[in-house]
């Protein structure tokens, strides 16, 4: 099911990119991808608060997951020239803190969206 779920998400992202192309703000892609996933019948939340728990305290520092699908797949959207290690660390941290099994890092600032997608599996 997890592979089928990420395939659906990637397909929706490709549809959004095909219509809009590169060059827009991340928020535009987020809104359109949210819409696409919802009309597919998937449970999707946006701007999901991600608190940090350190020992006995909970720190709410405004970290937010761009999209969370079926409470399983963290989607982090970017509109950047290229991915950096910081983006990878960010999505892996969100997955670890929320104990989410899968993550997709999607960069809409590419000519072909398939070249701007990285899939992650939480092995922790």
PDB file of N, CA and C in Angstrom:
ATOM      1  N   UNK A   1       0.819  -1.204   0.000  1.00  0.00           N
ATOM      2  CA  UNK A   1       0.000   0.000   0.000  1.00  0.00           C
ATOM      3  C   UNK A   1       0.859   1.263   0.000  1.00  0.00           C
ATOM      4  N   UNK A   2       1.996   1.239   0.712  1.00  0.00           N
ATOM      5  CA  UNK A   2       2.827   2.441   0.803  1.00  0.00           C
ATOM      6  C   UNK A   2       3.401   2.852  -0.548  1.00  0.00           C
ATOM      7  N   UNK A   3       3.814   1.869  -1.366  1.00  0.00           N
ATOM      8  CA  UNK A   3       4.314   2.203  -2.697  1.00  0.00           C
ATOM      9  C   UNK A   3       3.210   2.793  -3.557  1.00  0.00           C
ATOM     10  N   UNK A   4       2.013   2.234  -3.457  1.00  0.00           N
ATOM     11  CA  UNK A   4       0.886   2.762  -4.230  1.00  0.00           C
ATOM     12  C   UNK A   4       0.532   4.166  -3.774  1.00  0.00           C
ATOM     13  N   UNK A   5       0.627   4.404  -2.487  1.00  0.00           N
ATOM     14  CA  UNK A   5       0.317   5.729  -1.954  1.00  0.00           C
ATOM     15  C   UNK A   5       1.314   6.767  -2.464  1.00  0.00           C
ATOM     16  N   UNK A   6       2.611   6.446  -2.399  1.00  0.00           N
ATOM     17  CA  UNK A   6       3.600   7.411  -2.896  1.00  0.00           C
ATOM     18  C   UNK A   6       3.483   7.579  -4.413  1.00  0.00           C
ATOM     19  N   UNK A   7       3.115   6.532  -5.129  1.00  0.00           N
ATOM     20  CA  UNK A   7       2.890   6.657  -6.575  1.00  0.00           C
ATOM     21  C   UNK A   7       1.759   7.636  -6.865  1.00  0.00           C
ATOM     22  N   UNK A   8       0.673   7.551  -6.087  1.00  0.00           N
ATOM     23  CA  UNK A   8      -0.456   8.473  -6.255  1.00  0.00           C
ATOM     24  C   UNK A   8      -0.029   9.916  -5.987  1.00  0.00           C
ATOM     25  N   UNK A   9       0.742  10.100  -4.925  1.00  0.00           N
ATOM     26  CA  UNK A   9       1.197  11.442  -4.552  1.00  0.00           C
ATOM     27  C   UNK A   9       2.096  12.009  -5.648  1.00  0.00           C
ATOM     28  N   UNK A  10       3.037  11.195  -6.116  1.00  0.00           N
ATOM     29  CA  UNK A  10       3.950  11.644  -7.169  1.00  0.00           C
ATOM     30  C   UNK A  10       3.168  11.961  -8.443  1.00  0.00           C
ATOM     31  N   UNK A  11       2.202  11.130  -8.779  1.00  0.00           N
ATOM     32  CA  UNK A  11       1.369  11.395  -9.946  1.00  0.00           C
ATOM     33  C   UNK A  11       0.632  12.724  -9.829  1.00  0.00           C
ATOM     34  N   UNK A  12       0.098  13.009  -8.647  1.00  0.00           N
ATOM     35  CA  UNK A  12      -0.597  14.277  -8.411  1.00  0.00           C
ATOM     36  C   UNK A  12       0.377  15.450  -8.533  1.00  0.00           C
ATOM     37  N   UNK A  13       1.576  15.292  -7.991  1.00  0.00           N
ATOM     38  CA  UNK A  13       2.587  16.355  -8.071  1.00  0.00           C
ATOM     39  C   UNK A  13       2.985  16.613  -9.524  1.00  0.00           C
ATOM     40  N   UNK A  14       3.119  15.551 -10.301  1.00  0.00           N
ATOM     41  CA  UNK A  14       3.457  15.696 -11.717  1.00  0.00           C
ATOM     42  C   UNK A  14       2.341  16.434 -12.452  1.00  0.00           C
ATOM     43  N   UNK A  15       1.093  16.121 -12.123  1.00  0.00           N
ATOM     44  CA  UNK A  15      -0.033  16.839 -12.740  1.00  0.00           C
ATOM     45  C   UNK A  15       0.017  18.331 -12.425  1.00  0.00           C
ATOM     46  N   UNK A  16       0.279  18.659 -11.182  1.00  0.00           N
ATOM     47  CA  UNK A  16       0.377  20.071 -10.782  1.00  0.00           C
ATOM     48  C   UNK A  16       1.505  20.745 -11.552  1.00  0.00           C
ATOM     49  N   UNK A  17       2.663  20.091 -11.616  1.00  0.00           N
ATOM     50  CA  UNK A  17       3.822  20.664 -12.299  1.00  0.00           C
ATOM     51  C   UNK A  17       3.559  20.810 -13.799  1.00  0.00           C
ATOM     52  N   UNK A  18       2.874  19.851 -14.373  1.00  0.00           N
ATOM     53  CA  UNK A  18       2.556  19.887 -15.802  1.00  0.00           C
ATOM     54  C   UNK A  18       1.695  21.115 -16.126  1.00  0.00           C
ATOM     55  N   UNK A  19       0.753  21.429 -15.247  1.00  0.00           N
ATOM     56  CA  UNK A  19      -0.142  22.566 -15.476  1.00  0.00           C
ATOM     57  C   UNK A  19       0.544  23.892 -15.165  1.00  0.00           C
ATOM     58  N   UNK A  20       1.232  23.965 -14.025  1.00  0.00           N
ATOM     59  CA  UNK A  20       1.798  25.238 -13.566  1.00  0.00           C
ATOM     60  C   UNK A  20       3.213  25.504 -14.057  1.00  0.00           C
ATOM     61  N   UNK A  21       3.994  24.432 -14.259  1.00  0.00           N
ATOM     62  CA  UNK A  21       5.400  24.601 -14.626  1.00  0.00           C
ATOM     63  C   UNK A  21       6.215  25.107 -13.452  1.00  0.00           C
ATOM     64  N   UNK A  22       7.518  25.297 -13.653  1.00  0.00           N
ATOM     65  CA  UNK A  22       8.376  25.818 -12.592  1.00  0.00           C
ATOM     66  C   UNK A  22       8.240  27.338 -12.491  1.00  0.00           C
ATOM     67  N   UNK A  23       8.737  27.892 -11.390  1.00  0.00           N
ATOM     68  CA  UNK A  23       8.837  29.350 -11.292  1.00  0.00           C
ATOM     69  C   UNK A  23       7.888  30.025 -10.330  1.00  0.00           C
ATOM     70  N   UNK A  24       6.959  29.268  -9.721  1.00  0.00           N
ATOM     71  CA  UNK A  24       6.028  29.873  -8.773  1.00  0.00           C
ATOM     72  C   UNK A  24       6.541  29.716  -7.340  1.00  0.00           C
ATOM     73  N   UNK A  25       5.846  30.344  -6.417  1.00  0.00           N
ATOM     74  CA  UNK A  25       6.184  30.201  -5.003  1.00  0.00           C
ATOM     75  C   UNK A  25       5.751  28.826  -4.492  1.00  0.00           C
ATOM     76  N   UNK A  26       6.456  28.363  -3.482  1.00  0.00           N
ATOM     77  CA  UNK A  26       6.154  27.069  -2.872  1.00  0.00           C
ATOM     78  C   UNK A  26       4.692  26.989  -2.430  1.00  0.00           C
ATOM     79  N   UNK A  27       4.160  28.079  -1.904  1.00  0.00           N
ATOM     80  CA  UNK A  27       2.783  28.086  -1.394  1.00  0.00           C
ATOM     81  C   UNK A  27       1.767  27.777  -2.494  1.00  0.00           C
ATOM     82  N   UNK A  28       2.019  28.198  -3.715  1.00  0.00           N
ATOM     83  CA  UNK A  28       1.105  27.903  -4.823  1.00  0.00           C
ATOM     84  C   UNK A  28       1.081  26.410  -5.119  1.00  0.00           C
ATOM     85  N   UNK A  29       2.251  25.787  -5.148  1.00  0.00           N
ATOM     86  CA  UNK A  29       2.317  24.346  -5.399  1.00  0.00           C
ATOM     87  C   UNK A  29       1.673  23.576  -4.251  1.00  0.00           C
ATOM     88  N   UNK A  30       1.897  24.055  -3.035  1.00  0.00           N
ATOM     89  CA  UNK A  30       1.323  23.391  -1.867  1.00  0.00           C
ATOM     90  C   UNK A  30      -0.203  23.395  -1.947  1.00  0.00           C
ATOM     91  N   UNK A  31      -0.775  24.533  -2.262  1.00  0.00           N
ATOM     92  CA  UNK A  31      -2.237  24.645  -2.351  1.00  0.00           C
ATOM     93  C   UNK A  31      -2.795  23.737  -3.449  1.00  0.00           C
ATOM     94  N   UNK A  32      -2.155  23.727  -4.598  1.00  0.00           N
ATOM     95  CA  UNK A  32      -2.633  22.915  -5.724  1.00  0.00           C
ATOM     96  C   UNK A  32      -2.455  21.418  -5.469  1.00  0.00           C
ATOM     97  N   UNK A  33      -1.327  21.032  -4.868  1.00  0.00           N
ATOM     98  CA  UNK A  33      -1.112  19.618  -4.564  1.00  0.00           C
ATOM     99  C   UNK A  33      -2.094  19.160  -3.492  1.00  0.00           C
ATOM    100  N   UNK A  34      -2.340  19.993  -2.504  1.00  0.00           N
ATOM    101  CA  UNK A  34      -3.337  19.694  -1.475  1.00  0.00           C
ATOM    102  C   UNK A  34      -4.686  19.404  -2.145  1.00  0.00           C
ATOM    103  N   UNK A  35      -5.089  20.266  -3.073  1.00  0.00           N
ATOM    104  CA  UNK A  35      -6.349  20.108  -3.791  1.00  0.00           C
ATOM    105  C   UNK A  35      -6.373  18.788  -4.571  1.00  0.00           C
ATOM    106  N   UNK A  36      -5.307  18.515  -5.314  1.00  0.00           N
ATOM    107  CA  UNK A  36      -5.237  17.278  -6.110  1.00  0.00           C
ATOM    108  C   UNK A  36      -5.369  16.037  -5.229  1.00  0.00           C
ATOM    109  N   UNK A  37      -4.681  16.034  -4.103  1.00  0.00           N
ATOM    110  CA  UNK A  37      -4.719  14.874  -3.209  1.00  0.00           C
ATOM    111  C   UNK A  37      -6.097  14.704  -2.580  1.00  0.00           C
ATOM    112  N   UNK A  38      -6.734  15.813  -2.235  1.00  0.00           N
ATOM    113  CA  UNK A  38      -8.075  15.751  -1.663  1.00  0.00           C
ATOM    114  C   UNK A  38      -9.085  15.187  -2.658  1.00  0.00           C
ATOM    115  N   UNK A  39      -9.026  15.639  -3.914  1.00  0.00           N
ATOM    116  CA  UNK A  39     -10.017  15.139  -4.881  1.00  0.00           C
ATOM    117  C   UNK A  39      -9.764  13.673  -5.247  1.00  0.00           C
ATOM    118  N   UNK A  40      -8.576  13.174  -4.905  1.00  0.00           N
ATOM    119  CA  UNK A  40      -8.288  11.752  -5.083  1.00  0.00           C
ATOM    120  C   UNK A  40      -8.865  10.930  -3.930  1.00  0.00           C
ATOM    121  N   UNK A  41      -9.401  11.623  -2.925  1.00  0.00           N
ATOM    122  CA  UNK A  41      -9.990  10.934  -1.784  1.00  0.00           C
ATOM    123  C   UNK A  41      -9.006  10.603  -0.678  1.00  0.00           C
ATOM    124  N   UNK A  42      -7.816  11.188  -0.731  1.00  0.00           N
ATOM    125  CA  UNK A  42      -6.812  10.930   0.294  1.00  0.00           C
ATOM    126  C   UNK A  42      -6.994  11.882   1.472  1.00  0.00           C
ATOM    127  N   UNK A  43      -6.673  11.419   2.638  1.00  0.00           N
ATOM    128  CA  UNK A  43      -6.673  12.259   3.824  1.00  0.00           C
ATOM    129  C   UNK A  43      -5.373  13.061   3.820  1.00  0.00           C
ATOM    130  N   UNK A  44      -5.492  14.384   3.768  1.00  0.00           N
ATOM    131  CA  UNK A  44      -4.301  15.220   3.677  1.00  0.00           C
ATOM    132  C   UNK A  44      -4.452  16.434   4.589  1.00  0.00           C
ATOM    133  N   UNK A  45      -3.376  16.739   5.298  1.00  0.00           N
ATOM    134  CA  UNK A  45      -3.319  17.908   6.174  1.00  0.00           C
ATOM    135  C   UNK A  45      -2.157  18.773   5.732  1.00  0.00           C
ATOM    136  N   UNK A  46      -2.300  20.085   5.907  1.00  0.00           N
ATOM    137  CA  UNK A  46      -1.200  20.977   5.525  1.00  0.00           C
ATOM    138  C   UNK A  46      -0.741  21.778   6.733  1.00  0.00           C
ATOM    139  N   UNK A  47       0.527  22.188   6.668  1.00  0.00           N
ATOM    140  CA  UNK A  47       1.143  22.981   7.734  1.00  0.00           C
ATOM    141  C   UNK A  47       0.959  22.315   9.099  1.00  0.00           C
ATOM    142  N   UNK A  48       1.295  21.023   9.167  1.00  0.00           N
ATOM    143  CA  UNK A  48       1.130  20.247  10.392  1.00  0.00           C
ATOM    144  C   UNK A  48       2.238  20.630  11.372  1.00  0.00           C
ATOM    145  N   UNK A  49       1.824  21.104  12.555  1.00  0.00           N
ATOM    146  CA  UNK A  49       2.789  21.520  13.578  1.00  0.00           C
ATOM    147  C   UNK A  49       3.640  20.339  14.015  1.00  0.00           C
ATOM    148  N   UNK A  50       4.925  20.572  14.130  1.00  0.00           N
ATOM    149  CA  UNK A  50       5.864  19.531  14.515  1.00  0.00           C
ATOM    150  C   UNK A  50       6.655  20.021  15.733  1.00  0.00           C
ATOM    151  N   UNK A  51       6.133  19.745  16.941  1.00  0.00           N
ATOM    152  CA  UNK A  51       6.857  20.177  18.137  1.00  0.00           C
ATOM    153  C   UNK A  51       8.079  19.296  18.372  1.00  0.00           C
ATOM    154  N   UNK A  52       8.986  19.808  19.133  1.00  0.00           N
ATOM    155  CA  UNK A  52      10.183  19.058  19.518  1.00  0.00           C
ATOM    156  C   UNK A  52      10.033  18.695  20.987  1.00  0.00           C
ATOM    157  N   UNK A  53      10.225  17.429  21.296  1.00  0.00           N
ATOM    158  CA  UNK A  53      10.193  16.987  22.683  1.00  0.00           C
ATOM    159  C   UNK A  53      11.622  16.704  23.106  1.00  0.00           C
ATOM    160  N   UNK A  54      12.042  17.411  24.145  1.00  0.00           N
ATOM    161  CA  UNK A  54      13.387  17.231  24.679  1.00  0.00           C
ATOM    162  C   UNK A  54      13.259  16.889  26.157  1.00  0.00           C
ATOM    163  N   UNK A  55      13.628  15.666  26.479  1.00  0.00           N
ATOM    164  CA  UNK A  55      13.483  15.150  27.836  1.00  0.00           C
ATOM    165  C   UNK A  55      12.044  15.359  28.298  1.00  0.00           C
ATOM    166  N   UNK A  56      11.817  16.228  29.298  1.00  0.00           N
ATOM    167  CA  UNK A  56      10.471  16.415  29.842  1.00  0.00           C
ATOM    168  C   UNK A  56       9.776  17.668  29.334  1.00  0.00           C
ATOM    169  N   UNK A  57      10.356  18.332  28.340  1.00  0.00           N
ATOM    170  CA  UNK A  57       9.729  19.562  27.860  1.00  0.00           C
ATOM    171  C   UNK A  57       9.354  19.442  26.390  1.00  0.00           C
ATOM    172  N   UNK A  58       8.312  20.174  26.047  1.00  0.00           N
ATOM    173  CA  UNK A  58       7.853  20.213  24.666  1.00  0.00           C
ATOM    174  C   UNK A  58       8.096  21.612  24.130  1.00  0.00           C
ATOM    175  N   UNK A  59       8.898  21.698  23.069  1.00  0.00           N
ATOM    176  CA  UNK A  59       9.247  22.979  22.472  1.00  0.00           C
ATOM    177  C   UNK A  59       8.427  23.158  21.200  1.00  0.00           C
ATOM    178  N   UNK A  60       7.652  24.225  21.163  1.00  0.00           N
ATOM    179  CA  UNK A  60       6.839  24.495  19.988  1.00  0.00           C
ATOM    180  C   UNK A  60       7.455  25.665  19.240  1.00  0.00           C
ATOM    181  N   UNK A  61       8.361  25.347  18.310  1.00  0.00           N
ATOM    182  CA  UNK A  61       9.135  26.381  17.625  1.00  0.00           C
ATOM    183  C   UNK A  61       8.695  26.643  16.198  1.00  0.00           C
ATOM    184  N   UNK A  62       7.464  26.283  15.890  1.00  0.00           N
ATOM    185  CA  UNK A  62       6.939  26.631  14.581  1.00  0.00           C
ATOM    186  C   UNK A  62       7.414  25.771  13.428  1.00  0.00           C
ATOM    187  N   UNK A  63       7.996  24.626  13.706  1.00  0.00           N
ATOM    188  CA  UNK A  63       8.337  23.722  12.618  1.00  0.00           C
ATOM    189  C   UNK A  63       7.043  23.144  12.077  1.00  0.00           C
ATOM    190  N   UNK A  64       6.913  23.116  10.773  1.00  0.00           N
ATOM    191  CA  UNK A  64       5.667  22.652  10.167  1.00  0.00           C
ATOM    192  C   UNK A  64       5.954  21.760   8.965  1.00  0.00           C
ATOM    193  N   UNK A  65       5.227  20.649   8.919  1.00  0.00           N
ATOM    194  CA  UNK A  65       5.277  19.761   7.762  1.00  0.00           C
ATOM    195  C   UNK A  65       4.392  20.384   6.692  1.00  0.00           C
ATOM    196  N   UNK A  66       4.895  20.505   5.477  1.00  0.00           N
ATOM    197  CA  UNK A  66       4.101  21.115   4.406  1.00  0.00           C
ATOM    198  C   UNK A  66       2.796  20.361   4.194  1.00  0.00           C
ATOM    199  N   UNK A  67       2.887  19.071   3.920  1.00  0.00           N
ATOM    200  CA  UNK A  67       1.702  18.226   3.743  1.00  0.00           C
ATOM    201  C   UNK A  67       1.941  16.876   4.398  1.00  0.00           C
ATOM    202  N   UNK A  68       0.888  16.327   4.988  1.00  0.00           N
ATOM    203  CA  UNK A  68       0.943  14.992   5.574  1.00  0.00           C
ATOM    204  C   UNK A  68      -0.222  14.210   4.983  1.00  0.00           C
ATOM    205  N   UNK A  69       0.085  13.099   4.312  1.00  0.00           N
ATOM    206  CA  UNK A  69      -0.924  12.315   3.600  1.00  0.00           C
ATOM    207  C   UNK A  69      -1.177  11.002   4.330  1.00  0.00           C
ATOM    208  N   UNK A  70      -2.464  10.756   4.603  1.00  0.00           N
ATOM    209  CA  UNK A  70      -2.900   9.518   5.257  1.00  0.00           C
ATOM    210  C   UNK A  70      -2.161   9.272   6.571  1.00  0.00           C
ATOM    211  N   UNK A  71      -1.682  10.324   7.183  1.00  0.00           N
ATOM    212  CA  UNK A  71      -0.920  10.245   8.435  1.00  0.00           C
ATOM    213  C   UNK A  71       0.272   9.283   8.318  1.00  0.00           C
ATOM    214  N   UNK A  72       0.809   9.160   7.078  1.00  0.00           N
ATOM    215  CA  UNK A  72       1.925   8.246   6.813  1.00  0.00           C
ATOM    216  C   UNK A  72       3.062   8.905   6.051  1.00  0.00           C
ATOM    217  N   UNK A  73       2.723   9.782   5.109  1.00  0.00           N
ATOM    218  CA  UNK A  73       3.731  10.312   4.193  1.00  0.00           C
ATOM    219  C   UNK A  73       3.927  11.810   4.428  1.00  0.00           C
ATOM    220  N   UNK A  74       5.132  12.162   4.839  1.00  0.00           N
ATOM    221  CA  UNK A  74       5.520  13.560   5.001  1.00  0.00           C
ATOM    222  C   UNK A  74       5.931  14.083   3.631  1.00  0.00           C
ATOM    223  N   UNK A  75       5.346  15.208   3.233  1.00  0.00           N
ATOM    224  CA  UNK A  75       5.733  15.826   1.967  1.00  0.00           C
ATOM    225  C   UNK A  75       6.320  17.192   2.274  1.00  0.00           C
ATOM    226  N   UNK A  76       7.549  17.370   1.877  1.00  0.00           N
ATOM    227  CA  UNK A  76       8.238  18.652   2.034  1.00  0.00           C
ATOM    228  C   UNK A  76       8.444  19.211   0.639  1.00  0.00           C
ATOM    229  N   UNK A  77       7.876  20.390   0.402  1.00  0.00           N
ATOM    230  CA  UNK A  77       7.939  21.016  -0.917  1.00  0.00           C
ATOM    231  C   UNK A  77       9.013  22.089  -0.953  1.00  0.00           C
ATOM    232  N   UNK A  78       9.679  22.181  -2.089  1.00  0.00           N
ATOM    233  CA  UNK A  78      10.721  23.189  -2.289  1.00  0.00           C
ATOM    234  C   UNK A  78      10.577  23.799  -3.674  1.00  0.00           C
ATOM    235  N   UNK A  79      11.089  25.010  -3.819  1.00  0.00           N
ATOM    236  CA  UNK A  79      11.246  25.656  -5.124  1.00  0.00           C
ATOM    237  C   UNK A  79      12.646  26.258  -5.123  1.00  0.00           C
ATOM    238  N   UNK A  80      13.628  25.375  -5.293  1.00  0.00           N
ATOM    239  CA  UNK A  80      15.034  25.753  -5.175  1.00  0.00           C
ATOM    240  C   UNK A  80      15.824  25.255  -6.379  1.00  0.00           C
ATOM    241  N   UNK A  81      17.019  25.809  -6.572  1.00  0.00           N
ATOM    242  CA  UNK A  81      17.876  25.375  -7.679  1.00  0.00           C
ATOM    243  C   UNK A  81      18.240  23.901  -7.565  1.00  0.00           C
ATOM    244  N   UNK A  82      18.583  23.466  -6.344  1.00  0.00           N
ATOM    245  CA  UNK A  82      18.932  22.064  -6.128  1.00  0.00           C
ATOM    246  C   UNK A  82      18.762  21.721  -4.654  1.00  0.00           C
ATOM    247  N   UNK A  83      18.619  20.438  -4.388  1.00  0.00           N
ATOM    248  CA  UNK A  83      18.514  19.965  -3.005  1.00  0.00           C
ATOM    249  C   UNK A  83      19.860  20.109  -2.305  1.00  0.00           C
ATOM    250  N   UNK A  84      19.795  20.365  -1.016  1.00  0.00           N
ATOM    251  CA  UNK A  84      21.005  20.379  -0.193  1.00  0.00           C
ATOM    252  C   UNK A  84      20.827  19.361   0.931  1.00  0.00           C
ATOM    253  N   UNK A  85      21.899  19.100   1.646  1.00  0.00           N
ATOM    254  CA  UNK A  85      21.845  18.179   2.780  1.00  0.00           C
ATOM    255  C   UNK A  85      20.889  18.678   3.858  1.00  0.00           C
ATOM    256  N   UNK A  86      20.704  19.986   3.961  1.00  0.00           N
ATOM    257  CA  UNK A  86      19.804  20.564   4.965  1.00  0.00           C
ATOM    258  C   UNK A  86      18.367  20.114   4.704  1.00  0.00           C
ATOM    259  N   UNK A  87      17.952  20.079   3.445  1.00  0.00           N
ATOM    260  CA  UNK A  87      16.591  19.651   3.121  1.00  0.00           C
ATOM    261  C   UNK A  87      16.388  18.180   3.454  1.00  0.00           C
ATOM    262  N   UNK A  88      17.388  17.373   3.179  1.00  0.00           N
ATOM    263  CA  UNK A  88      17.322  15.959   3.530  1.00  0.00           C
ATOM    264  C   UNK A  88      17.226  15.792   5.037  1.00  0.00           C
ATOM    265  N   UNK A  89      18.045  16.510   5.771  1.00  0.00           N
ATOM    266  CA  UNK A  89      18.016  16.443   7.234  1.00  0.00           C
ATOM    267  C   UNK A  89      16.649  16.881   7.765  1.00  0.00           C
ATOM    268  N   UNK A  90      16.084  17.914   7.157  1.00  0.00           N
ATOM    269  CA  UNK A  90      14.791  18.433   7.592  1.00  0.00           C
ATOM    270  C   UNK A  90      13.698  17.367   7.479  1.00  0.00           C
ATOM    271  N   UNK A  91      13.577  16.748   6.320  1.00  0.00           N
ATOM    272  CA  UNK A  91      12.498  15.768   6.152  1.00  0.00           C
ATOM    273  C   UNK A  91      12.738  14.528   7.007  1.00  0.00           C
ATOM    274  N   UNK A  92      13.988  14.106   7.126  1.00  0.00           N
ATOM    275  CA  UNK A  92      14.286  12.947   7.978  1.00  0.00           C
ATOM    276  C   UNK A  92      13.966  13.236   9.434  1.00  0.00           C
ATOM    277  N   UNK A  93      14.216  14.460   9.873  1.00  0.00           N
ATOM    278  CA  UNK A  93      13.892  14.852  11.251  1.00  0.00           C
ATOM    279  C   UNK A  93      12.388  14.846  11.469  1.00  0.00           C
ATOM    280  N   UNK A  94      11.623  15.402  10.528  1.00  0.00           N
ATOM    281  CA  UNK A  94      10.166  15.385  10.645  1.00  0.00           C
ATOM    282  C   UNK A  94       9.644  13.956  10.725  1.00  0.00           C
ATOM    283  N   UNK A  95      10.183  13.090   9.893  1.00  0.00           N
ATOM    284  CA  UNK A  95       9.747  11.696   9.886  1.00  0.00           C
ATOM    285  C   UNK A  95      10.065  11.024  11.210  1.00  0.00           C
ATOM    286  N   UNK A  96      11.243  11.301  11.730  1.00  0.00           N
ATOM    287  CA  UNK A  96      11.655  10.701  12.999  1.00  0.00           C
ATOM    288  C   UNK A  96      10.822  11.231  14.159  1.00  0.00           C
ATOM    289  N   UNK A  97      10.654  12.551  14.243  1.00  0.00           N
ATOM    290  CA  UNK A  97       9.912  13.142  15.354  1.00  0.00           C
ATOM    291  C   UNK A  97       8.448  12.704  15.368  1.00  0.00           C
ATOM    292  N   UNK A  98       7.853  12.549  14.194  1.00  0.00           N
ATOM    293  CA  UNK A  98       6.454  12.146  14.119  1.00  0.00           C
ATOM    294  C   UNK A  98       6.251  10.660  13.946  1.00  0.00           C
ATOM    295  N   UNK A  99       7.348   9.920  13.857  1.00  0.00           N
ATOM    296  CA  UNK A  99       7.309   8.477  13.621  1.00  0.00           C
ATOM    297  C   UNK A  99       6.502   8.137  12.359  1.00  0.00           C
ATOM    298  N   UNK A 100       6.752   8.903  11.301  1.00  0.00           N
ATOM    299  CA  UNK A 100       6.082   8.674  10.021  1.00  0.00           C
ATOM    300  C   UNK A 100       6.961   7.760   9.169  1.00  0.00           C
ATOM    301  N   UNK A 101       6.369   6.782   8.492  1.00  0.00           N
ATOM    302  CA  UNK A 101       7.174   5.802   7.758  1.00  0.00           C
ATOM    303  C   UNK A 101       7.790   6.287   6.449  1.00  0.00           C
ATOM    304  N   UNK A 102       7.156   7.259   5.791  1.00  0.00           N
ATOM    305  CA  UNK A 102       7.631   7.659   4.462  1.00  0.00           C
ATOM    306  C   UNK A 102       7.708   9.169   4.327  1.00  0.00           C
ATOM    307  N   UNK A 103       8.581   9.592   3.417  1.00  0.00           N
ATOM    308  CA  UNK A 103       8.690  11.016   3.133  1.00  0.00           C
ATOM    309  C   UNK A 103       8.997  11.244   1.666  1.00  0.00           C
ATOM    310  N   UNK A 104       8.480  12.353   1.144  1.00  0.00           N
ATOM    311  CA  UNK A 104       8.782  12.773  -0.220  1.00  0.00           C
ATOM    312  C   UNK A 104       9.262  14.217  -0.177  1.00  0.00           C
ATOM    313  N   UNK A 105      10.435  14.437  -0.716  1.00  0.00           N
ATOM    314  CA  UNK A 105      10.984  15.777  -0.875  1.00  0.00           C
ATOM    315  C   UNK A 105      10.789  16.120  -2.349  1.00  0.00           C
ATOM    316  N   UNK A 106      10.000  17.166  -2.614  1.00  0.00           N
ATOM    317  CA  UNK A 106       9.633  17.495  -3.989  1.00  0.00           C
ATOM    318  C   UNK A 106      10.046  18.919  -4.308  1.00  0.00           C
ATOM    319  N   UNK A 107      10.862  19.057  -5.349  1.00  0.00           N
ATOM    320  CA  UNK A 107      11.321  20.369  -5.801  1.00  0.00           C
ATOM    321  C   UNK A 107      10.618  20.723  -7.109  1.00  0.00           C
ATOM    322  N   UNK A 108       9.727  21.713  -7.039  1.00  0.00           N
ATOM    323  CA  UNK A 108       8.972  22.119  -8.225  1.00  0.00           C
ATOM    324  C   UNK A 108       9.770  23.034  -9.151  1.00  0.00           C
ATOM    325  N   UNK A 109      10.963  23.414  -8.756  1.00  0.00           N
ATOM    326  CA  UNK A 109      11.781  24.313  -9.583  1.00  0.00           C
ATOM    327  C   UNK A 109      12.708  23.500 -10.493  1.00  0.00           C
ATOM    328  N   UNK A 110      12.095  22.569 -11.236  1.00  0.00           N
ATOM    329  CA  UNK A 110      12.849  21.729 -12.172  1.00  0.00           C
ATOM    330  C   UNK A 110      12.087  21.668 -13.490  1.00  0.00           C
ATOM    331  N   UNK A 111      12.813  21.409 -14.558  1.00  0.00           N
ATOM    332  CA  UNK A 111      12.178  21.287 -15.866  1.00  0.00           C
ATOM    333  C   UNK A 111      11.304  20.042 -15.912  1.00  0.00           C
ATOM    334  N   UNK A 112      11.850  18.903 -15.449  1.00  0.00           N
ATOM    335  CA  UNK A 112      11.105  17.654 -15.329  1.00  0.00           C
ATOM    336  C   UNK A 112      10.977  17.319 -13.853  1.00  0.00           C
ATOM    337  N   UNK A 113       9.744  17.225 -13.375  1.00  0.00           N
ATOM    338  CA  UNK A 113       9.547  17.027 -11.940  1.00  0.00           C
ATOM    339  C   UNK A 113      10.166  15.732 -11.441  1.00  0.00           C
ATOM    340  N   UNK A 114      10.188  14.690 -12.275  1.00  0.00           N
ATOM    341  CA  UNK A 114      10.770  13.416 -11.827  1.00  0.00           C
ATOM    342  C   UNK A 114      12.216  13.584 -11.369  1.00  0.00           C
ATOM    343  N   UNK A 115      12.907  14.609 -11.858  1.00  0.00           N
ATOM    344  CA  UNK A 115      14.280  14.887 -11.435  1.00  0.00           C
ATOM    345  C   UNK A 115      14.339  15.669 -10.127  1.00  0.00           C
ATOM    346  N   UNK A 116      13.178  16.066  -9.615  1.00  0.00           N
ATOM    347  CA  UNK A 116      13.133  16.852  -8.386  1.00  0.00           C
ATOM    348  C   UNK A 116      12.418  16.144  -7.257  1.00  0.00           C
ATOM    349  N   UNK A 117      12.428  14.814  -7.275  1.00  0.00           N
ATOM    350  CA  UNK A 117      11.730  14.047  -6.234  1.00  0.00           C
ATOM    351  C   UNK A 117      12.686  13.070  -5.572  1.00  0.00           C
ATOM    352  N   UNK A 118      12.672  13.075  -4.251  1.00  0.00           N
ATOM    353  CA  UNK A 118      13.437  12.099  -3.466  1.00  0.00           C
ATOM    354  C   UNK A 118      12.474  11.430  -2.489  1.00  0.00           C
ATOM    355  N   UNK A 119      12.561  10.115  -2.395  1.00  0.00           N
ATOM    356  CA  UNK A 119      11.711   9.335  -1.505  1.00  0.00           C
ATOM    357  C   UNK A 119      12.557   8.848  -0.334  1.00  0.00           C
ATOM    358  N   UNK A 120      11.979   8.923   0.867  1.00  0.00           N
ATOM    359  CA  UNK A 120      12.697   8.519   2.069  1.00  0.00           C
ATOM    360  C   UNK A 120      11.852   7.502   2.856  1.00  0.00           C
ATOM    361  N   UNK A 121      12.560   6.586   3.513  1.00  0.00           N
ATOM    362  CA  UNK A 121      11.926   5.596   4.374  1.00  0.00           C
ATOM    363  C   UNK A 121      12.508   5.756   5.769  1.00  0.00           C
ATOM    364  N   UNK A 122      11.623   5.815   6.759  1.00  0.00           N
ATOM    365  CA  UNK A 122      12.050   5.947   8.151  1.00  0.00           C
ATOM    366  C   UNK A 122      12.472   4.575   8.666  1.00  0.00           C
ATOM    367  N   UNK A 123      13.741   4.419   8.910  1.00  0.00           N
ATOM    368  CA  UNK A 123      14.254   3.131   9.393  1.00  0.00           C
ATOM    369  C   UNK A 123      14.495   3.128  10.892  1.00  0.00           C
ATOM    370  N   UNK A 124      14.163   4.239  11.544  1.00  0.00           N
ATOM    371  CA  UNK A 124      14.393   4.336  13.004  1.00  0.00           C
ATOM    372  C   UNK A 124      13.385   3.564  13.783  1.00  0.00           C
TER     373      UNK A 124
END
